[in-house]
Amino acid sequence: ARTGASVVATDLSERACAFARFTAALNDVDVD
């Protein structure tokens, strides 16, 4: 996302998805 690209992220682990969402939100980065 550094250069303004849009990002979709996937993970089999629901727990990992929750951490990925938190990391993105904490850094004010939009990740689906």
PDB file of all heavy atoms in Angstrom:
ATOM      1  N   ALA A   1       0.808  -1.224   0.000  1.00  0.00           N
ATOM      2  CA  ALA A   1       0.000   0.000   0.000  1.00  0.00           C
ATOM      3  C   ALA A   1       0.838   1.270   0.000  1.00  0.00           C
ATOM      4  O   ALA A   1       0.273   2.369  -0.092  1.00  0.00           O
ATOM      5  CB  ALA A   1      -0.928  -0.001   1.212  1.00  0.00           C
ATOM      6  N   ARG A   2       2.158   1.144   0.097  1.00  0.00           N
ATOM      7  CA  ARG A   2       3.014   2.341   0.230  1.00  0.00           C
ATOM      8  C   ARG A   2       2.814   3.343  -0.888  1.00  0.00           C
ATOM      9  O   ARG A   2       2.900   4.557  -0.664  1.00  0.00           O
ATOM     10  CB  ARG A   2       4.497   1.945   0.229  1.00  0.00           C
ATOM     11  CG  ARG A   2       4.984   1.242   1.453  1.00  0.00           C
ATOM     12  CD  ARG A   2       6.450   0.887   1.297  1.00  0.00           C
ATOM     13  NE  ARG A   2       7.319   2.045   1.375  1.00  0.00           N
ATOM     14  CZ  ARG A   2       8.604   2.030   1.023  1.00  0.00           C
ATOM     15  NH1 ARG A   2       9.149   0.926   0.537  1.00  0.00           N
ATOM     16  NH2 ARG A   2       9.332   3.119   1.141  1.00  0.00           N
ATOM     17  N   THR A   3       2.595   2.845  -2.113  1.00  0.00           N
ATOM     18  CA  THR A   3       2.552   3.733  -3.269  1.00  0.00           C
ATOM     19  C   THR A   3       1.143   4.126  -3.679  1.00  0.00           C
ATOM     20  O   THR A   3       0.939   4.696  -4.750  1.00  0.00           O
ATOM     21  CB  THR A   3       3.251   3.053  -4.464  1.00  0.00           C
ATOM     22  OG1 THR A   3       2.624   1.783  -4.698  1.00  0.00           O
ATOM     23  CG2 THR A   3       4.733   2.841  -4.178  1.00  0.00           C
ATOM     24  N   GLY A   4       0.158   3.806  -2.854  1.00  0.00           N
ATOM     25  CA  GLY A   4      -1.212   4.176  -3.175  1.00  0.00           C
ATOM     26  C   GLY A   4      -1.995   3.085  -3.878  1.00  0.00           C
ATOM     27  O   GLY A   4      -3.098   3.343  -4.383  1.00  0.00           O
ATOM     28  N   ALA A   5      -1.450   1.869  -3.920  1.00  0.00           N
ATOM     29  CA  ALA A   5      -2.177   0.759  -4.523  1.00  0.00           C
ATOM     30  C   ALA A   5      -3.293   0.300  -3.597  1.00  0.00           C
ATOM     31  O   ALA A   5      -3.230   0.475  -2.379  1.00  0.00           O
ATOM     32  CB  ALA A   5      -1.215  -0.397  -4.804  1.00  0.00           C
ATOM     33  N   SER A   6      -4.335  -0.307  -4.167  1.00  0.00           N
ATOM     34  CA  SER A   6      -5.388  -0.905  -3.354  1.00  0.00           C
ATOM     35  C   SER A   6      -4.993  -2.343  -3.037  1.00  0.00           C
ATOM     36  O   SER A   6      -4.368  -3.021  -3.854  1.00  0.00           O
ATOM     37  CB  SER A   6      -6.732  -0.862  -4.082  1.00  0.00           C
ATOM     38  OG  SER A   6      -6.690  -1.667  -5.250  1.00  0.00           O
ATOM     39  N   VAL A   7      -5.347  -2.824  -1.843  1.00  0.00           N
ATOM     40  CA  VAL A   7      -4.857  -4.108  -1.369  1.00  0.00           C
ATOM     41  C   VAL A   7      -6.001  -4.972  -0.848  1.00  0.00           C
ATOM     42  O   VAL A   7      -6.829  -4.520  -0.055  1.00  0.00           O
ATOM     43  CB  VAL A   7      -3.809  -3.923  -0.239  1.00  0.00           C
ATOM     44  CG1 VAL A   7      -3.302  -5.289   0.246  1.00  0.00           C
ATOM     45  CG2 VAL A   7      -2.653  -3.053  -0.711  1.00  0.00           C
ATOM     46  N   VAL A   8      -6.000  -6.224  -1.310  1.00  0.00           N
ATOM     47  CA  VAL A   8      -6.851  -7.276  -0.756  1.00  0.00           C
ATOM     48  C   VAL A   8      -5.920  -8.276  -0.082  1.00  0.00           C
ATOM     49  O   VAL A   8      -4.853  -8.613  -0.619  1.00  0.00           O
ATOM     50  CB  VAL A   8      -7.676  -7.979  -1.845  1.00  0.00           C
ATOM     51  CG1 VAL A   8      -8.482  -9.142  -1.256  1.00  0.00           C
ATOM     52  CG2 VAL A   8      -8.602  -6.993  -2.549  1.00  0.00           C
ATOM     53  N   ALA A   9      -6.296  -8.757   1.098  1.00  0.00           N
ATOM     54  CA  ALA A   9      -5.469  -9.721   1.830  1.00  0.00           C
ATOM     55  C   ALA A   9      -6.309 -10.934   2.188  1.00  0.00           C
ATOM     56  O   ALA A   9      -7.488 -10.797   2.545  1.00  0.00           O
ATOM     57  CB  ALA A   9      -4.895  -9.088   3.091  1.00  0.00           C
ATOM     58  N   THR A  10      -5.702 -12.132   2.084  1.00  0.00           N
ATOM     59  CA  THR A  10      -6.408 -13.350   2.447  1.00  0.00           C
ATOM     60  C   THR A  10      -5.582 -14.166   3.432  1.00  0.00           C
ATOM     61  O   THR A  10      -4.348 -14.106   3.430  1.00  0.00           O
ATOM     62  CB  THR A  10      -6.693 -14.240   1.218  1.00  0.00           C
ATOM     63  OG1 THR A  10      -5.464 -14.843   0.747  1.00  0.00           O
ATOM     64  CG2 THR A  10      -7.321 -13.442   0.096  1.00  0.00           C
ATOM     65  N   ASP A  11      -6.273 -14.923   4.279  1.00  0.00           N
ATOM     66  CA  ASP A  11      -5.604 -15.871   5.159  1.00  0.00           C
ATOM     67  C   ASP A  11      -6.624 -16.911   5.604  1.00  0.00           C
ATOM     68  O   ASP A  11      -7.787 -16.567   5.879  1.00  0.00           O
ATOM     69  CB  ASP A  11      -4.995 -15.176   6.380  1.00  0.00           C
ATOM     70  CG  ASP A  11      -3.862 -15.993   6.998  1.00  0.00           C
ATOM     71  OD1 ASP A  11      -4.156 -17.061   7.564  1.00  0.00           O
ATOM     72  OD2 ASP A  11      -2.688 -15.575   6.893  1.00  0.00           O
ATOM     73  N   LEU A  12      -6.174 -18.149   5.666  1.00  0.00           N
ATOM     74  CA  LEU A  12      -7.050 -19.226   6.121  1.00  0.00           C
ATOM     75  C   LEU A  12      -7.452 -19.049   7.583  1.00  0.00           C
ATOM     76  O   LEU A  12      -8.561 -19.402   7.985  1.00  0.00           O
ATOM     77  CB  LEU A  12      -6.342 -20.570   5.933  1.00  0.00           C
ATOM     78  CG  LEU A  12      -7.093 -21.815   6.399  1.00  0.00           C
ATOM     79  CD1 LEU A  12      -8.376 -21.997   5.603  1.00  0.00           C
ATOM     80  CD2 LEU A  12      -6.199 -23.049   6.265  1.00  0.00           C
ATOM     81  N   SER A  13      -6.543 -18.459   8.374  1.00  0.00           N
ATOM     82  CA  SER A  13      -6.766 -18.292   9.807  1.00  0.00           C
ATOM     83  C   SER A  13      -7.617 -17.055  10.095  1.00  0.00           C
ATOM     84  O   SER A  13      -7.241 -15.931   9.755  1.00  0.00           O
ATOM     85  CB  SER A  13      -5.417 -18.167  10.532  1.00  0.00           C
ATOM     86  OG  SER A  13      -5.580 -17.671  11.836  1.00  0.00           O
ATOM     87  N   GLU A  14      -8.753 -17.263  10.739  1.00  0.00           N
ATOM     88  CA  GLU A  14      -9.582 -16.122  11.137  1.00  0.00           C
ATOM     89  C   GLU A  14      -8.819 -15.250  12.127  1.00  0.00           C
ATOM     90  O   GLU A  14      -8.965 -14.025  12.142  1.00  0.00           O
ATOM     91  CB  GLU A  14     -10.877 -16.625  11.777  1.00  0.00           C
ATOM     92  CG  GLU A  14     -11.824 -17.319  10.801  1.00  0.00           C
ATOM     93  CD  GLU A  14     -12.710 -16.326  10.064  1.00  0.00           C
ATOM     94  OE1 GLU A  14     -12.525 -15.114  10.244  1.00  0.00           O
ATOM     95  OE2 GLU A  14     -13.608 -16.783   9.328  1.00  0.00           O
ATOM     96  N   ARG A  15      -7.997 -15.878  12.955  1.00  0.00           N
ATOM     97  CA  ARG A  15      -7.206 -15.120  13.932  1.00  0.00           C
ATOM     98  C   ARG A  15      -6.208 -14.213  13.209  1.00  0.00           C
ATOM     99  O   ARG A  15      -6.058 -13.037  13.559  1.00  0.00           O
ATOM    100  CB  ARG A  15      -6.482 -16.085  14.869  1.00  0.00           C
ATOM    101  CG  ARG A  15      -5.695 -15.411  15.979  1.00  0.00           C
ATOM    102  CD  ARG A  15      -5.098 -16.430  16.944  1.00  0.00           C
ATOM    103  NE  ARG A  15      -4.392 -15.762  18.030  1.00  0.00           N
ATOM    104  CZ  ARG A  15      -4.962 -15.292  19.117  1.00  0.00           C
ATOM    105  NH1 ARG A  15      -6.273 -15.416  19.273  1.00  0.00           N
ATOM    106  NH2 ARG A  15      -4.248 -14.694  20.064  1.00  0.00           N
ATOM    107  N   ALA A  16      -5.554 -14.751  12.210  1.00  0.00           N
ATOM    108  CA  ALA A  16      -4.620 -13.933  11.440  1.00  0.00           C
ATOM    109  C   ALA A  16      -5.341 -12.784  10.751  1.00  0.00           C
ATOM    110  O   ALA A  16      -4.830 -11.652  10.700  1.00  0.00           O
ATOM    111  CB  ALA A  16      -3.887 -14.802  10.411  1.00  0.00           C
ATOM    112  N   CYS A  17      -6.514 -13.042  10.210  1.00  0.00           N
ATOM    113  CA  CYS A  17      -7.284 -11.974   9.567  1.00  0.00           C
ATOM    114  C   CYS A  17      -7.576 -10.844  10.551  1.00  0.00           C
ATOM    115  O   CYS A  17      -7.513  -9.654  10.187  1.00  0.00           O
ATOM    116  CB  CYS A  17      -8.592 -12.532   9.000  1.00  0.00           C
ATOM    117  SG  CYS A  17      -8.390 -13.559   7.527  1.00  0.00           S
ATOM    118  N   ALA A  18      -7.890 -11.200  11.796  1.00  0.00           N
ATOM    119  CA  ALA A  18      -8.162 -10.171  12.802  1.00  0.00           C
ATOM    120  C   ALA A  18      -6.922  -9.337  13.076  1.00  0.00           C
ATOM    121  O   ALA A  18      -6.997  -8.105  13.193  1.00  0.00           O
ATOM    122  CB  ALA A  18      -8.653 -10.825  14.086  1.00  0.00           C
ATOM    123  N   PHE A  19      -5.763  -9.985  13.171  1.00  0.00           N
ATOM    124  CA  PHE A  19      -4.526  -9.234  13.383  1.00  0.00           C
ATOM    125  C   PHE A  19      -4.197  -8.363  12.171  1.00  0.00           C
ATOM    126  O   PHE A  19      -3.741  -7.223  12.321  1.00  0.00           O
ATOM    127  CB  PHE A  19      -3.366 -10.190  13.673  1.00  0.00           C
ATOM    128  CG  PHE A  19      -3.242 -10.583  15.122  1.00  0.00           C
ATOM    129  CD1 PHE A  19      -3.655 -11.824  15.562  1.00  0.00           C
ATOM    130  CD2 PHE A  19      -2.705  -9.695  16.042  1.00  0.00           C
ATOM    131  CE1 PHE A  19      -3.548 -12.190  16.902  1.00  0.00           C
ATOM    132  CE2 PHE A  19      -2.591 -10.045  17.381  1.00  0.00           C
ATOM    133  CZ  PHE A  19      -3.012 -11.296  17.811  1.00  0.00           C
ATOM    134  N   ALA A  20      -4.420  -8.881  10.958  1.00  0.00           N
ATOM    135  CA  ALA A  20      -4.145  -8.090   9.759  1.00  0.00           C
ATOM    136  C   ALA A  20      -5.032  -6.853   9.703  1.00  0.00           C
ATOM    137  O   ALA A  20      -4.591  -5.764   9.319  1.00  0.00           O
ATOM    138  CB  ALA A  20      -4.337  -8.952   8.510  1.00  0.00           C
ATOM    139  N   ARG A  21      -6.289  -7.022  10.090  1.00  0.00           N
ATOM    140  CA  ARG A  21      -7.190  -5.860  10.116  1.00  0.00           C
ATOM    141  C   ARG A  21      -6.724  -4.837  11.139  1.00  0.00           C
ATOM    142  O   ARG A  21      -6.761  -3.625  10.889  1.00  0.00           O
ATOM    143  CB  ARG A  21      -8.620  -6.315  10.444  1.00  0.00           C
ATOM    144  CG  ARG A  21      -9.286  -7.138   9.364  1.00  0.00           C
ATOM    145  CD  ARG A  21     -10.763  -7.367   9.678  1.00  0.00           C
ATOM    146  NE  ARG A  21     -11.350  -8.311   8.725  1.00  0.00           N
ATOM    147  CZ  ARG A  21     -11.549  -9.606   8.956  1.00  0.00           C
ATOM    148  NH1 ARG A  21     -11.219 -10.109  10.154  1.00  0.00           N
ATOM    149  NH2 ARG A  21     -12.068 -10.383   8.041  1.00  0.00           N
ATOM    150  N   PHE A  22      -6.291  -5.318  12.301  1.00  0.00           N
ATOM    151  CA  PHE A  22      -5.850  -4.391  13.346  1.00  0.00           C
ATOM    152  C   PHE A  22      -4.587  -3.647  12.894  1.00  0.00           C
ATOM    153  O   PHE A  22      -4.494  -2.422  13.077  1.00  0.00           O
ATOM    154  CB  PHE A  22      -5.569  -5.151  14.644  1.00  0.00           C
ATOM    155  CG  PHE A  22      -5.256  -4.250  15.805  1.00  0.00           C
ATOM    156  CD1 PHE A  22      -6.266  -3.751  16.613  1.00  0.00           C
ATOM    157  CD2 PHE A  22      -3.938  -3.874  16.078  1.00  0.00           C
ATOM    158  CE1 PHE A  22      -5.984  -2.894  17.670  1.00  0.00           C
ATOM    159  CE2 PHE A  22      -3.644  -3.022  17.129  1.00  0.00           C
ATOM    160  CZ  PHE A  22      -4.665  -2.530  17.930  1.00  0.00           C
ATOM    161  N   THR A  23      -3.619  -4.374  12.332  1.00  0.00           N
ATOM    162  CA  THR A  23      -2.392  -3.727  11.859  1.00  0.00           C
ATOM    163  C   THR A  23      -2.705  -2.656  10.825  1.00  0.00           C
ATOM    164  O   THR A  23      -2.174  -1.545  10.877  1.00  0.00           O
ATOM    165  CB  THR A  23      -1.433  -4.779  11.270  1.00  0.00           C
ATOM    166  OG1 THR A  23      -0.970  -5.644  12.319  1.00  0.00           O
ATOM    167  CG2 THR A  23      -0.232  -4.128  10.605  1.00  0.00           C
ATOM    168  N   ALA A  24      -3.594  -2.978   9.885  1.00  0.00           N
ATOM    169  CA  ALA A  24      -3.951  -2.001   8.851  1.00  0.00           C
ATOM    170  C   ALA A  24      -4.639  -0.787   9.469  1.00  0.00           C
ATOM    171  O   ALA A  24      -4.306   0.366   9.155  1.00  0.00           O
ATOM    172  CB  ALA A  24      -4.853  -2.656   7.809  1.00  0.00           C
ATOM    173  N   ALA A  25      -5.597  -1.029  10.361  1.00  0.00           N
ATOM    174  CA  ALA A  25      -6.339   0.081  10.969  1.00  0.00           C
ATOM    175  C   ALA A  25      -5.433   0.952  11.829  1.00  0.00           C
ATOM    176  O   ALA A  25      -5.553   2.188  11.821  1.00  0.00           O
ATOM    177  CB  ALA A  25      -7.497  -0.468  11.797  1.00  0.00           C
ATOM    178  N   LEU A  26      -4.521   0.333  12.574  1.00  0.00           N
ATOM    179  CA  LEU A  26      -3.622   1.104  13.429  1.00  0.00           C
ATOM    180  C   LEU A  26      -2.763   2.050  12.607  1.00  0.00           C
ATOM    181  O   LEU A  26      -2.449   3.162  13.046  1.00  0.00           O
ATOM    182  CB  LEU A  26      -2.738   0.150  14.241  1.00  0.00           C
ATOM    183  CG  LEU A  26      -1.670   0.789  15.134  1.00  0.00           C
ATOM    184  CD1 LEU A  26      -2.298   1.761  16.133  1.00  0.00           C
ATOM    185  CD2 LEU A  26      -0.866  -0.281  15.853  1.00  0.00           C
ATOM    186  N   ASN A  27      -2.412   1.629  11.400  1.00  0.00           N
ATOM    187  CA  ASN A  27      -1.558   2.446  10.539  1.00  0.00           C
ATOM    188  C   ASN A  27      -2.357   3.281   9.541  1.00  0.00           C
ATOM    189  O   ASN A  27      -1.761   3.880   8.634  1.00  0.00           O
ATOM    190  CB  ASN A  27      -0.570   1.540   9.808  1.00  0.00           C
ATOM    191  CG  ASN A  27       0.427   0.906  10.759  1.00  0.00           C
ATOM    192  OD1 ASN A  27       1.377   1.540  11.198  1.00  0.00           O
ATOM    193  ND2 ASN A  27       0.208  -0.368  11.103  1.00  0.00           N
ATOM    194  N   ASP A  28      -3.683   3.283   9.715  1.00  0.00           N
ATOM    195  CA  ASP A  28      -4.575   4.062   8.859  1.00  0.00           C
ATOM    196  C   ASP A  28      -4.392   3.687   7.385  1.00  0.00           C
ATOM    197  O   ASP A  28      -4.332   4.543   6.503  1.00  0.00           O
ATOM    198  CB  ASP A  28      -4.325   5.562   9.058  1.00  0.00           C
ATOM    199  CG  ASP A  28      -5.505   6.411   8.604  1.00  0.00           C
ATOM    200  OD1 ASP A  28      -6.622   5.857   8.491  1.00  0.00           O
ATOM    201  OD2 ASP A  28      -5.308   7.610   8.329  1.00  0.00           O
ATOM    202  N   VAL A  29      -4.278   2.383   7.136  1.00  0.00           N
ATOM    203  CA  VAL A  29      -4.128   1.841   5.788  1.00  0.00           C
ATOM    204  C   VAL A  29      -5.376   1.027   5.460  1.00  0.00           C
ATOM    205  O   VAL A  29      -5.823   0.209   6.272  1.00  0.00           O
ATOM    206  CB  VAL A  29      -2.870   0.952   5.689  1.00  0.00           C
ATOM    207  CG1 VAL A  29      -2.797   0.283   4.325  1.00  0.00           C
ATOM    208  CG2 VAL A  29      -1.617   1.781   5.943  1.00  0.00           C
ATOM    209  N   ASP A  30      -5.925   1.239   4.282  1.00  0.00           N
ATOM    210  CA  ASP A  30      -7.155   0.548   3.876  1.00  0.00           C
ATOM    211  C   ASP A  30      -6.800  -0.795   3.237  1.00  0.00           C
ATOM    212  O   ASP A  30      -6.186  -0.831   2.165  1.00  0.00           O
ATOM    213  CB  ASP A  30      -7.937   1.416   2.893  1.00  0.00           C
ATOM    214  CG  ASP A  30      -9.295   0.819   2.534  1.00  0.00           C
ATOM    215  OD1 ASP A  30      -9.769  -0.048   3.282  1.00  0.00           O
ATOM    216  OD2 ASP A  30      -9.856   1.218   1.493  1.00  0.00           O
ATOM    217  N   VAL A  31      -7.147  -1.899   3.885  1.00  0.00           N
ATOM    218  CA  VAL A  31      -6.907  -3.241   3.361  1.00  0.00           C
ATOM    219  C   VAL A  31      -8.203  -4.040   3.479  1.00  0.00           C
ATOM    220  O   VAL A  31      -8.837  -4.067   4.535  1.00  0.00           O
ATOM    221  CB  VAL A  31      -5.778  -3.969   4.132  1.00  0.00           C
ATOM    222  CG1 VAL A  31      -5.581  -5.383   3.582  1.00  0.00           C
ATOM    223  CG2 VAL A  31      -4.472  -3.180   4.035  1.00  0.00           C
ATOM    224  N   ASP A  32      -8.587  -4.683   2.390  1.00  0.00           N
ATOM    225  CA  ASP A  32      -9.778  -5.541   2.361  1.00  0.00           C
ATOM    226  C   ASP A  32      -9.328  -6.952   2.746  1.00  0.00           C
ATOM    227  O   ASP A  32      -8.752  -7.678   1.932  1.00  0.00           O
ATOM    228  CB  ASP A  32     -10.370  -5.516   0.951  1.00  0.00           C
ATOM    229  CG  ASP A  32     -11.573  -6.446   0.794  1.00  0.00           C
ATOM    230  OD1 ASP A  32     -12.015  -7.032   1.800  1.00  0.00           O
ATOM    231  OD2 ASP A  32     -12.060  -6.590  -0.354  1.00  0.00           O
TER     232      ASP A  32
END
